[in-house]
């Protein structure tokens, strides 16, 4: 998949399909709350596995019962690309199984 920067309207349209994700500081971000630290750590590990599969990685922060992500494409000078939104969509698919909201 190409790493070309997306037009702002296309980013907004895709974000409308990703509840909780927001445009922030030239990237897309999301925070999840989970039931425990162990649940948050397990979710983080699962996200890391998906990131390796896609060869596209976010800034991922584990808190006590939270997981925060900031996603942008470094190879596109930090712009938002389809890779970022595809990663966000994959993470959204994982969230329910981990009890993340």
PDB file of N, CA and C in Angstrom:
ATOM      1  N   UNK A   1       0.835  -1.176   0.000  1.00  0.00           N
ATOM      2  CA  UNK A   1       0.000   0.000   0.000  1.00  0.00           C
ATOM      3  C   UNK A   1       0.882   1.242   0.000  1.00  0.00           C
ATOM      4  N   UNK A   2       0.404   2.250  -0.665  1.00  0.00           N
ATOM      5  CA  UNK A   2       1.160   3.482  -0.816  1.00  0.00           C
ATOM      6  C   UNK A   2       1.217   4.273   0.483  1.00  0.00           C
ATOM      7  N   UNK A   3       2.264   5.033   0.629  1.00  0.00           N
ATOM      8  CA  UNK A   3       2.421   5.875   1.815  1.00  0.00           C
ATOM      9  C   UNK A   3       2.299   7.342   1.441  1.00  0.00           C
ATOM     10  N   UNK A   4       1.403   7.643   0.489  1.00  0.00           N
ATOM     11  CA  UNK A   4       1.176   9.031   0.097  1.00  0.00           C
ATOM     12  C   UNK A   4       0.255   9.705   1.104  1.00  0.00           C
ATOM     13  N   UNK A   5       0.535  10.961   1.454  1.00  0.00           N
ATOM     14  CA  UNK A   5      -0.349  11.685   2.365  1.00  0.00           C
ATOM     15  C   UNK A   5      -1.771  11.768   1.802  1.00  0.00           C
ATOM     16  N   UNK A   6      -2.752  11.646   2.680  1.00  0.00           N
ATOM     17  CA  UNK A   6      -4.147  11.720   2.266  1.00  0.00           C
ATOM     18  C   UNK A   6      -4.664  13.152   2.378  1.00  0.00           C
ATOM     19  N   UNK A   7      -5.609  13.518   1.520  1.00  0.00           N
ATOM     20  CA  UNK A   7      -6.256  14.825   1.656  1.00  0.00           C
ATOM     21  C   UNK A   7      -7.055  14.880   2.957  1.00  0.00           C
ATOM     22  N   UNK A   8      -7.154  16.071   3.517  1.00  0.00           N
ATOM     23  CA  UNK A   8      -7.821  16.255   4.807  1.00  0.00           C
ATOM     24  C   UNK A   8      -9.244  15.681   4.799  1.00  0.00           C
ATOM     25  N   UNK A   9     -10.008  15.907   3.744  1.00  0.00           N
ATOM     26  CA  UNK A   9     -11.394  15.423   3.698  1.00  0.00           C
ATOM     27  C   UNK A   9     -11.454  13.906   3.728  1.00  0.00           C
ATOM     28  N   UNK A  10     -10.526  13.255   3.069  1.00  0.00           N
ATOM     29  CA  UNK A  10     -10.500  11.788   3.080  1.00  0.00           C
ATOM     30  C   UNK A  10     -10.168  11.271   4.478  1.00  0.00           C
ATOM     31  N   UNK A  11      -9.279  11.953   5.165  1.00  0.00           N
ATOM     32  CA  UNK A  11      -8.957  11.582   6.552  1.00  0.00           C
ATOM     33  C   UNK A  11     -10.203  11.723   7.420  1.00  0.00           C
ATOM     34  N   UNK A  12     -10.889  12.852   7.309  1.00  0.00           N
ATOM     35  CA  UNK A  12     -12.104  13.086   8.099  1.00  0.00           C
ATOM     36  C   UNK A  12     -13.169  12.035   7.800  1.00  0.00           C
ATOM     37  N   UNK A  13     -13.330  11.680   6.532  1.00  0.00           N
ATOM     38  CA  UNK A  13     -14.327  10.675   6.147  1.00  0.00           C
ATOM     39  C   UNK A  13     -14.009   9.321   6.769  1.00  0.00           C
ATOM     40  N   UNK A  14     -12.746   8.925   6.738  1.00  0.00           N
ATOM     41  CA  UNK A  14     -12.348   7.637   7.332  1.00  0.00           C
ATOM     42  C   UNK A  14     -12.454   7.673   8.849  1.00  0.00           C
ATOM     43  N   UNK A  15     -12.094   8.802   9.472  1.00  0.00           N
ATOM     44  CA  UNK A  15     -12.196   8.913  10.929  1.00  0.00           C
ATOM     45  C   UNK A  15     -13.650   8.814  11.399  1.00  0.00           C
ATOM     46  N   UNK A  16     -14.578   9.265  10.583  1.00  0.00           N
ATOM     47  CA  UNK A  16     -15.994   9.176  10.930  1.00  0.00           C
ATOM     48  C   UNK A  16     -16.431   7.720  11.113  1.00  0.00           C
ATOM     49  N   UNK A  17     -15.684   6.791  10.528  1.00  0.00           N
ATOM     50  CA  UNK A  17     -15.984   5.366  10.641  1.00  0.00           C
ATOM     51  C   UNK A  17     -15.205   4.699  11.769  1.00  0.00           C
ATOM     52  N   UNK A  18     -14.396   5.477  12.488  1.00  0.00           N
ATOM     53  CA  UNK A  18     -13.546   4.944  13.558  1.00  0.00           C
ATOM     54  C   UNK A  18     -13.864   5.677  14.862  1.00  0.00           C
ATOM     55  N   UNK A  19     -14.861   5.216  15.594  1.00  0.00           N
ATOM     56  CA  UNK A  19     -15.264   5.918  16.815  1.00  0.00           C
ATOM     57  C   UNK A  19     -14.114   6.033  17.816  1.00  0.00           C
ATOM     58  N   UNK A  20     -13.984   7.226  18.384  1.00  0.00           N
ATOM     59  CA  UNK A  20     -12.951   7.450  19.390  1.00  0.00           C
ATOM     60  C   UNK A  20     -11.626   7.933  18.831  1.00  0.00           C
ATOM     61  N   UNK A  21     -11.397   7.758  17.550  1.00  0.00           N
ATOM     62  CA  UNK A  21     -10.175   8.222  16.913  1.00  0.00           C
ATOM     63  C   UNK A  21     -10.341   9.686  16.546  1.00  0.00           C
ATOM     64  N   UNK A  22      -9.257  10.459  16.696  1.00  0.00           N
ATOM     65  CA  UNK A  22      -9.326  11.894  16.418  1.00  0.00           C
ATOM     66  C   UNK A  22      -8.055  12.358  15.723  1.00  0.00           C
ATOM     67  N   UNK A  23      -8.208  13.413  14.976  1.00  0.00           N
ATOM     68  CA  UNK A  23      -7.081  14.077  14.341  1.00  0.00           C
ATOM     69  C   UNK A  23      -6.456  14.996  15.377  1.00  0.00           C
ATOM     70  N   UNK A  24      -5.161  14.802  15.636  1.00  0.00           N
ATOM     71  CA  UNK A  24      -4.486  15.584  16.673  1.00  0.00           C
ATOM     72  C   UNK A  24      -3.004  15.703  16.345  1.00  0.00           C
ATOM     73  N   UNK A  25      -2.498  16.919  16.335  1.00  0.00           N
ATOM     74  CA  UNK A  25      -1.065  17.149  16.108  1.00  0.00           C
ATOM     75  C   UNK A  25      -0.540  16.431  14.860  1.00  0.00           C
ATOM     76  N   UNK A  26      -1.240  16.559  13.754  1.00  0.00           N
ATOM     77  CA  UNK A  26      -0.831  15.963  12.480  1.00  0.00           C
ATOM     78  C   UNK A  26      -0.769  14.441  12.512  1.00  0.00           C
ATOM     79  N   UNK A  27      -1.504  13.827  13.401  1.00  0.00           N
ATOM     80  CA  UNK A  27      -1.603  12.378  13.458  1.00  0.00           C
ATOM     81  C   UNK A  27      -3.005  12.009  13.888  1.00  0.00           C
ATOM     82  N   UNK A  28      -3.263  10.719  14.009  1.00  0.00           N
ATOM     83  CA  UNK A  28      -4.535  10.280  14.556  1.00  0.00           C
ATOM     84  C   UNK A  28      -4.261   9.606  15.892  1.00  0.00           C
ATOM     85  N   UNK A  29      -5.155   9.822  16.845  1.00  0.00           N
ATOM     86  CA  UNK A  29      -4.943   9.327  18.199  1.00  0.00           C
ATOM     87  C   UNK A  29      -6.192   8.641  18.722  1.00  0.00           C
ATOM     88  N   UNK A  30      -5.958   7.790  19.713  1.00  0.00           N
ATOM     89  CA  UNK A  30      -7.079   7.106  20.377  1.00  0.00           C
ATOM     90  C   UNK A  30      -6.578   6.642  21.724  1.00  0.00           C
ATOM     91  N   UNK A  31      -7.436   6.722  22.732  1.00  0.00           N
ATOM     92  CA  UNK A  31      -7.151   6.161  24.047  1.00  0.00           C
ATOM     93  C   UNK A  31      -8.236   5.138  24.364  1.00  0.00           C
ATOM     94  N   UNK A  32      -7.828   4.029  24.930  1.00  0.00           N
ATOM     95  CA  UNK A  32      -8.750   2.980  25.343  1.00  0.00           C
ATOM     96  C   UNK A  32      -8.624   2.780  26.844  1.00  0.00           C
ATOM     97  N   UNK A  33      -9.734   2.478  27.491  1.00  0.00           N
ATOM     98  CA  UNK A  33      -9.726   2.095  28.894  1.00  0.00           C
ATOM     99  C   UNK A  33     -10.093   0.615  28.964  1.00  0.00           C
ATOM    100  N   UNK A  34      -9.378  -0.092  29.819  1.00  0.00           N
ATOM    101  CA  UNK A  34      -9.608  -1.520  29.990  1.00  0.00           C
ATOM    102  C   UNK A  34      -9.875  -1.820  31.463  1.00  0.00           C
ATOM    103  N   UNK A  35     -10.228  -3.056  31.760  1.00  0.00           N
ATOM    104  CA  UNK A  35     -10.626  -3.429  33.110  1.00  0.00           C
ATOM    105  C   UNK A  35      -9.506  -3.579  34.117  1.00  0.00           C
ATOM    106  N   UNK A  36      -8.283  -3.727  33.656  1.00  0.00           N
ATOM    107  CA  UNK A  36      -7.162  -3.937  34.570  1.00  0.00           C
ATOM    108  C   UNK A  36      -5.852  -3.645  33.843  1.00  0.00           C
ATOM    109  N   UNK A  37      -4.787  -3.612  34.620  1.00  0.00           N
ATOM    110  CA  UNK A  37      -3.474  -3.432  34.008  1.00  0.00           C
ATOM    111  C   UNK A  37      -3.118  -4.622  33.125  1.00  0.00           C
ATOM    112  N   UNK A  38      -3.426  -5.826  33.589  1.00  0.00           N
ATOM    113  CA  UNK A  38      -3.124  -7.018  32.797  1.00  0.00           C
ATOM    114  C   UNK A  38      -3.873  -6.988  31.462  1.00  0.00           C
ATOM    115  N   UNK A  39      -5.146  -6.595  31.490  1.00  0.00           N
ATOM    116  CA  UNK A  39      -5.929  -6.506  30.243  1.00  0.00           C
ATOM    117  C   UNK A  39      -5.323  -5.475  29.303  1.00  0.00           C
ATOM    118  N   UNK A  40      -4.879  -4.350  29.845  1.00  0.00           N
ATOM    119  CA  UNK A  40      -4.260  -3.309  29.012  1.00  0.00           C
ATOM    120  C   UNK A  40      -2.951  -3.818  28.413  1.00  0.00           C
ATOM    121  N   UNK A  41      -2.161  -4.532  29.201  1.00  0.00           N
ATOM    122  CA  UNK A  41      -0.898  -5.074  28.701  1.00  0.00           C
ATOM    123  C   UNK A  41      -1.142  -6.112  27.608  1.00  0.00           C
ATOM    124  N   UNK A  42      -2.154  -6.955  27.783  1.00  0.00           N
ATOM    125  CA  UNK A  42      -2.476  -7.960  26.764  1.00  0.00           C
ATOM    126  C   UNK A  42      -2.920  -7.284  25.465  1.00  0.00           C
ATOM    127  N   UNK A  43      -3.730  -6.234  25.582  1.00  0.00           N
ATOM    128  CA  UNK A  43      -4.180  -5.495  24.404  1.00  0.00           C
ATOM    129  C   UNK A  43      -2.991  -4.862  23.692  1.00  0.00           C
ATOM    130  N   UNK A  44      -2.068  -4.304  24.455  1.00  0.00           N
ATOM    131  CA  UNK A  44      -0.867  -3.702  23.892  1.00  0.00           C
ATOM    132  C   UNK A  44      -0.061  -4.735  23.109  1.00  0.00           C
ATOM    133  N   UNK A  45       0.073  -5.916  23.658  1.00  0.00           N
ATOM    134  CA  UNK A  45       0.807  -6.985  22.983  1.00  0.00           C
ATOM    135  C   UNK A  45       0.122  -7.377  21.674  1.00  0.00           C
ATOM    136  N   UNK A  46      -1.202  -7.451  21.700  1.00  0.00           N
ATOM    137  CA  UNK A  46      -1.939  -7.807  20.493  1.00  0.00           C
ATOM    138  C   UNK A  46      -1.788  -6.714  19.432  1.00  0.00           C
ATOM    139  N   UNK A  47      -1.829  -5.445  19.854  1.00  0.00           N
ATOM    140  CA  UNK A  47      -1.613  -4.338  18.918  1.00  0.00           C
ATOM    141  C   UNK A  47      -0.216  -4.435  18.307  1.00  0.00           C
ATOM    142  N   UNK A  48       0.780  -4.715  19.132  1.00  0.00           N
ATOM    143  CA  UNK A  48       2.155  -4.834  18.629  1.00  0.00           C
ATOM    144  C   UNK A  48       2.259  -5.940  17.585  1.00  0.00           C
ATOM    145  N   UNK A  49       1.539  -7.037  17.786  1.00  0.00           N
ATOM    146  CA  UNK A  49       1.554  -8.132  16.815  1.00  0.00           C
ATOM    147  C   UNK A  49       0.980  -7.666  15.472  1.00  0.00           C
ATOM    148  N   UNK A  50      -0.133  -6.951  15.511  1.00  0.00           N
ATOM    149  CA  UNK A  50      -0.745  -6.442  14.279  1.00  0.00           C
ATOM    150  C   UNK A  50       0.188  -5.452  13.599  1.00  0.00           C
ATOM    151  N   UNK A  51       0.825  -4.595  14.380  1.00  0.00           N
ATOM    152  CA  UNK A  51       1.748  -3.623  13.805  1.00  0.00           C
ATOM    153  C   UNK A  51       2.899  -4.322  13.093  1.00  0.00           C
ATOM    154  N   UNK A  52       3.408  -5.375  13.676  1.00  0.00           N
ATOM    155  CA  UNK A  52       4.465  -6.131  13.004  1.00  0.00           C
ATOM    156  C   UNK A  52       3.961  -6.786  11.723  1.00  0.00           C
ATOM    157  N   UNK A  53       2.730  -7.326  11.753  1.00  0.00           N
ATOM    158  CA  UNK A  53       2.155  -7.928  10.550  1.00  0.00           C
ATOM    159  C   UNK A  53       2.048  -6.904   9.426  1.00  0.00           C
ATOM    160  N   UNK A  54       1.634  -5.677   9.764  1.00  0.00           N
ATOM    161  CA  UNK A  54       1.454  -4.625   8.770  1.00  0.00           C
ATOM    162  C   UNK A  54       2.749  -3.881   8.460  1.00  0.00           C
ATOM    163  N   UNK A  55       3.778  -4.124   9.266  1.00  0.00           N
ATOM    164  CA  UNK A  55       5.037  -3.381   9.174  1.00  0.00           C
ATOM    165  C   UNK A  55       4.770  -1.872   9.237  1.00  0.00           C
ATOM    166  N   UNK A  56       3.888  -1.519  10.162  1.00  0.00           N
ATOM    167  CA  UNK A  56       3.525  -0.117  10.371  1.00  0.00           C
ATOM    168  C   UNK A  56       3.269   0.048  11.864  1.00  0.00           C
ATOM    169  N   UNK A  57       4.014   0.919  12.504  1.00  0.00           N
ATOM    170  CA  UNK A  57       4.016   1.004  13.962  1.00  0.00           C
ATOM    171  C   UNK A  57       3.601   2.380  14.447  1.00  0.00           C
ATOM    172  N   UNK A  58       2.903   2.388  15.563  1.00  0.00           N
ATOM    173  CA  UNK A  58       2.444   3.630  16.177  1.00  0.00           C
ATOM    174  C   UNK A  58       3.279   3.934  17.411  1.00  0.00           C
ATOM    175  N   UNK A  59       3.048   5.116  17.969  1.00  0.00           N
ATOM    176  CA  UNK A  59       3.522   5.393  19.318  1.00  0.00           C
ATOM    177  C   UNK A  59       2.455   4.802  20.227  1.00  0.00           C
ATOM    178  N   UNK A  60       2.848   3.865  21.048  1.00  0.00           N
ATOM    179  CA  UNK A  60       1.930   3.075  21.859  1.00  0.00           C
ATOM    180  C   UNK A  60       2.322   3.238  23.317  1.00  0.00           C
ATOM    181  N   UNK A  61       1.378   3.684  24.152  1.00  0.00           N
ATOM    182  CA  UNK A  61       1.665   3.944  25.555  1.00  0.00           C
ATOM    183  C   UNK A  61       0.745   3.111  26.437  1.00  0.00           C
ATOM    184  N   UNK A  62       1.338   2.356  27.341  1.00  0.00           N
ATOM    185  CA  UNK A  62       0.605   1.543  28.296  1.00  0.00           C
ATOM    186  C   UNK A  62       0.541   2.274  29.623  1.00  0.00           C
ATOM    187  N   UNK A  63      -0.668   2.492  30.120  1.00  0.00           N
ATOM    188  CA  UNK A  63      -0.870   3.030  31.460  1.00  0.00           C
ATOM    189  C   UNK A  63      -1.406   1.926  32.356  1.00  0.00           C
ATOM    190  N   UNK A  64      -1.849   2.281  33.550  1.00  0.00           N
ATOM    191  CA  UNK A  64      -2.357   1.262  34.468  1.00  0.00           C
ATOM    192  C   UNK A  64      -3.490   0.462  33.837  1.00  0.00           C
ATOM    193  N   UNK A  65      -4.526   1.148  33.390  1.00  0.00           N
ATOM    194  CA  UNK A  65      -5.643   0.472  32.735  1.00  0.00           C
ATOM    195  C   UNK A  65      -6.018   1.165  31.421  1.00  0.00           C
ATOM    196  N   UNK A  66      -5.025   1.798  30.808  1.00  0.00           N
ATOM    197  CA  UNK A  66      -5.254   2.515  29.558  1.00  0.00           C
ATOM    198  C   UNK A  66      -4.185   2.159  28.520  1.00  0.00           C
ATOM    199  N   UNK A  67      -4.581   2.302  27.285  1.00  0.00           N
ATOM    200  CA  UNK A  67      -3.661   2.166  26.155  1.00  0.00           C
ATOM    201  C   UNK A  67      -3.911   3.382  25.273  1.00  0.00           C
ATOM    202  N   UNK A  68      -2.846   4.107  24.949  1.00  0.00           N
ATOM    203  CA  UNK A  68      -2.952   5.286  24.085  1.00  0.00           C
ATOM    204  C   UNK A  68      -2.106   5.074  22.843  1.00  0.00           C
ATOM    205  N   UNK A  69      -2.648   5.507  21.713  1.00  0.00           N
ATOM    206  CA  UNK A  69      -1.946   5.385  20.444  1.00  0.00           C
ATOM    207  C   UNK A  69      -1.893   6.722  19.742  1.00  0.00           C
ATOM    208  N   UNK A  70      -0.786   6.974  19.086  1.00  0.00           N
ATOM    209  CA  UNK A  70      -0.632   8.107  18.177  1.00  0.00           C
ATOM    210  C   UNK A  70      -0.040   7.536  16.901  1.00  0.00           C
ATOM    211  N   UNK A  71      -0.729   7.750  15.793  1.00  0.00           N
ATOM    212  CA  UNK A  71      -0.358   7.103  14.539  1.00  0.00           C
ATOM    213  C   UNK A  71      -0.123   8.162  13.464  1.00  0.00           C
ATOM    214  N   UNK A  72       0.985   8.019  12.774  1.00  0.00           N
ATOM    215  CA  UNK A  72       1.317   8.829  11.588  1.00  0.00           C
ATOM    216  C   UNK A  72       2.358   8.039  10.822  1.00  0.00           C
ATOM    217  N   UNK A  73       2.572   8.398   9.569  1.00  0.00           N
ATOM    218  CA  UNK A  73       3.520   7.654   8.740  1.00  0.00           C
ATOM    219  C   UNK A  73       4.833   8.430   8.673  1.00  0.00           C
ATOM    220  N   UNK A  74       5.830   7.921   9.352  1.00  0.00           N
ATOM    221  CA  UNK A  74       7.132   8.594   9.410  1.00  0.00           C
ATOM    222  C   UNK A  74       7.784   8.683   8.035  1.00  0.00           C
ATOM    223  N   UNK A  75       7.589   7.655   7.206  1.00  0.00           N
ATOM    224  CA  UNK A  75       8.212   7.668   5.877  1.00  0.00           C
ATOM    225  C   UNK A  75       7.535   8.659   4.930  1.00  0.00           C
ATOM    226  N   UNK A  76       6.400   9.225   5.351  1.00  0.00           N
ATOM    227  CA  UNK A  76       5.718  10.272   4.570  1.00  0.00           C
ATOM    228  C   UNK A  76       5.843  11.609   5.303  1.00  0.00           C
ATOM    229  N   UNK A  77       6.992  11.794   5.955  1.00  0.00           N
ATOM    230  CA  UNK A  77       7.273  13.023   6.711  1.00  0.00           C
ATOM    231  C   UNK A  77       6.249  13.294   7.798  1.00  0.00           C
ATOM    232  N   UNK A  78       5.718  12.223   8.413  1.00  0.00           N
ATOM    233  CA  UNK A  78       4.785  12.369   9.523  1.00  0.00           C
ATOM    234  C   UNK A  78       3.358  12.657   9.109  1.00  0.00           C
ATOM    235  N   UNK A  79       3.074  12.575   7.820  1.00  0.00           N
ATOM    236  CA  UNK A  79       1.712  12.818   7.332  1.00  0.00           C
ATOM    237  C   UNK A  79       0.831  11.603   7.617  1.00  0.00           C
ATOM    238  N   UNK A  80      -0.470  11.807   7.499  1.00  0.00           N
ATOM    239  CA  UNK A  80      -1.421  10.712   7.655  1.00  0.00           C
ATOM    240  C   UNK A  80      -1.642  10.074   6.289  1.00  0.00           C
ATOM    241  N   UNK A  81      -1.507   8.754   6.266  1.00  0.00           N
ATOM    242  CA  UNK A  81      -1.683   7.988   5.035  1.00  0.00           C
ATOM    243  C   UNK A  81      -2.735   6.903   5.265  1.00  0.00           C
ATOM    244  N   UNK A  82      -3.059   6.193   4.201  1.00  0.00           N
ATOM    245  CA  UNK A  82      -3.991   5.070   4.312  1.00  0.00           C
ATOM    246  C   UNK A  82      -3.456   4.012   5.278  1.00  0.00           C
ATOM    247  N   UNK A  83      -2.141   3.871   5.384  1.00  0.00           N
ATOM    248  CA  UNK A  83      -1.552   2.912   6.317  1.00  0.00           C
ATOM    249  C   UNK A  83      -2.001   3.195   7.754  1.00  0.00           C
ATOM    250  N   UNK A  84      -2.061   4.467   8.117  1.00  0.00           N
ATOM    251  CA  UNK A  84      -2.453   4.849   9.479  1.00  0.00           C
ATOM    252  C   UNK A  84      -3.906   4.485   9.756  1.00  0.00           C
ATOM    253  N   UNK A  85      -4.758   4.802   8.813  1.00  0.00           N
ATOM    254  CA  UNK A  85      -6.182   4.538   8.998  1.00  0.00           C
ATOM    255  C   UNK A  85      -6.484   3.049   8.937  1.00  0.00           C
ATOM    256  N   UNK A  86      -5.742   2.311   8.138  1.00  0.00           N
ATOM    257  CA  UNK A  86      -5.902   0.854   8.104  1.00  0.00           C
ATOM    258  C   UNK A  86      -5.465   0.233   9.429  1.00  0.00           C
ATOM    259  N   UNK A  87      -4.374   0.732   9.996  1.00  0.00           N
ATOM    260  CA  UNK A  87      -3.934   0.248  11.302  1.00  0.00           C
ATOM    261  C   UNK A  87      -4.990   0.556  12.361  1.00  0.00           C
ATOM    262  N   UNK A  88      -5.522   1.761  12.354  1.00  0.00           N
ATOM    263  CA  UNK A  88      -6.558   2.135  13.322  1.00  0.00           C
ATOM    264  C   UNK A  88      -7.773   1.210  13.194  1.00  0.00           C
ATOM    265  N   UNK A  89      -8.170   0.897  11.972  1.00  0.00           N
ATOM    266  CA  UNK A  89      -9.314   0.008  11.757  1.00  0.00           C
ATOM    267  C   UNK A  89      -9.035  -1.392  12.299  1.00  0.00           C
ATOM    268  N   UNK A  90      -7.841  -1.884  12.092  1.00  0.00           N
ATOM    269  CA  UNK A  90      -7.480  -3.211  12.632  1.00  0.00           C
ATOM    270  C   UNK A  90      -7.509  -3.201  14.153  1.00  0.00           C
ATOM    271  N   UNK A  91      -7.020  -2.139  14.766  1.00  0.00           N
ATOM    272  CA  UNK A  91      -7.027  -2.037  16.229  1.00  0.00           C
ATOM    273  C   UNK A  91      -8.465  -1.981  16.745  1.00  0.00           C
ATOM    274  N   UNK A  92      -9.333  -1.255  16.050  1.00  0.00           N
ATOM    275  CA  UNK A  92     -10.740  -1.200  16.436  1.00  0.00           C
ATOM    276  C   UNK A  92     -11.374  -2.587  16.405  1.00  0.00           C
ATOM    277  N   UNK A  93     -10.963  -3.422  15.481  1.00  0.00           N
ATOM    278  CA  UNK A  93     -11.491  -4.785  15.402  1.00  0.00           C
ATOM    279  C   UNK A  93     -11.050  -5.622  16.605  1.00  0.00           C
ATOM    280  N   UNK A  94      -9.847  -5.350  17.130  1.00  0.00           N
ATOM    281  CA  UNK A  94      -9.314  -6.092  18.277  1.00  0.00           C
ATOM    282  C   UNK A  94      -9.942  -5.665  19.600  1.00  0.00           C
ATOM    283  N   UNK A  95     -10.300  -4.412  19.704  1.00  0.00           N
ATOM    284  CA  UNK A  95     -10.693  -3.813  20.988  1.00  0.00           C
ATOM    285  C   UNK A  95     -11.799  -4.570  21.725  1.00  0.00           C
ATOM    286  N   UNK A  96     -12.894  -4.951  21.082  1.00  0.00           N
ATOM    287  CA  UNK A  96     -13.969  -5.618  21.833  1.00  0.00           C
ATOM    288  C   UNK A  96     -13.528  -6.921  22.519  1.00  0.00           C
ATOM    289  N   UNK A  97     -12.685  -7.685  21.872  1.00  0.00           N
ATOM    290  CA  UNK A  97     -12.230  -8.948  22.452  1.00  0.00           C
ATOM    291  C   UNK A  97     -11.415  -8.732  23.726  1.00  0.00           C
ATOM    292  N   UNK A  98     -10.855  -7.540  23.875  1.00  0.00           N
ATOM    293  CA  UNK A  98     -10.055  -7.212  25.060  1.00  0.00           C
ATOM    294  C   UNK A  98     -10.853  -6.418  26.084  1.00  0.00           C
ATOM    295  N   UNK A  99     -12.099  -6.120  25.775  1.00  0.00           N
ATOM    296  CA  UNK A  99     -12.921  -5.307  26.676  1.00  0.00           C
ATOM    297  C   UNK A  99     -12.513  -3.852  26.677  1.00  0.00           C
ATOM    298  N   UNK A 100     -11.836  -3.420  25.627  1.00  0.00           N
ATOM    299  CA  UNK A 100     -11.363  -2.045  25.543  1.00  0.00           C
ATOM    300  C   UNK A 100     -12.493  -1.139  25.059  1.00  0.00           C
ATOM    301  N   UNK A 101     -12.595   0.017  25.688  1.00  0.00           N
ATOM    302  CA  UNK A 101     -13.586   0.993  25.246  1.00  0.00           C
ATOM    303  C   UNK A 101     -13.042   2.391  25.414  1.00  0.00           C
TER     304      UNK A 101
END
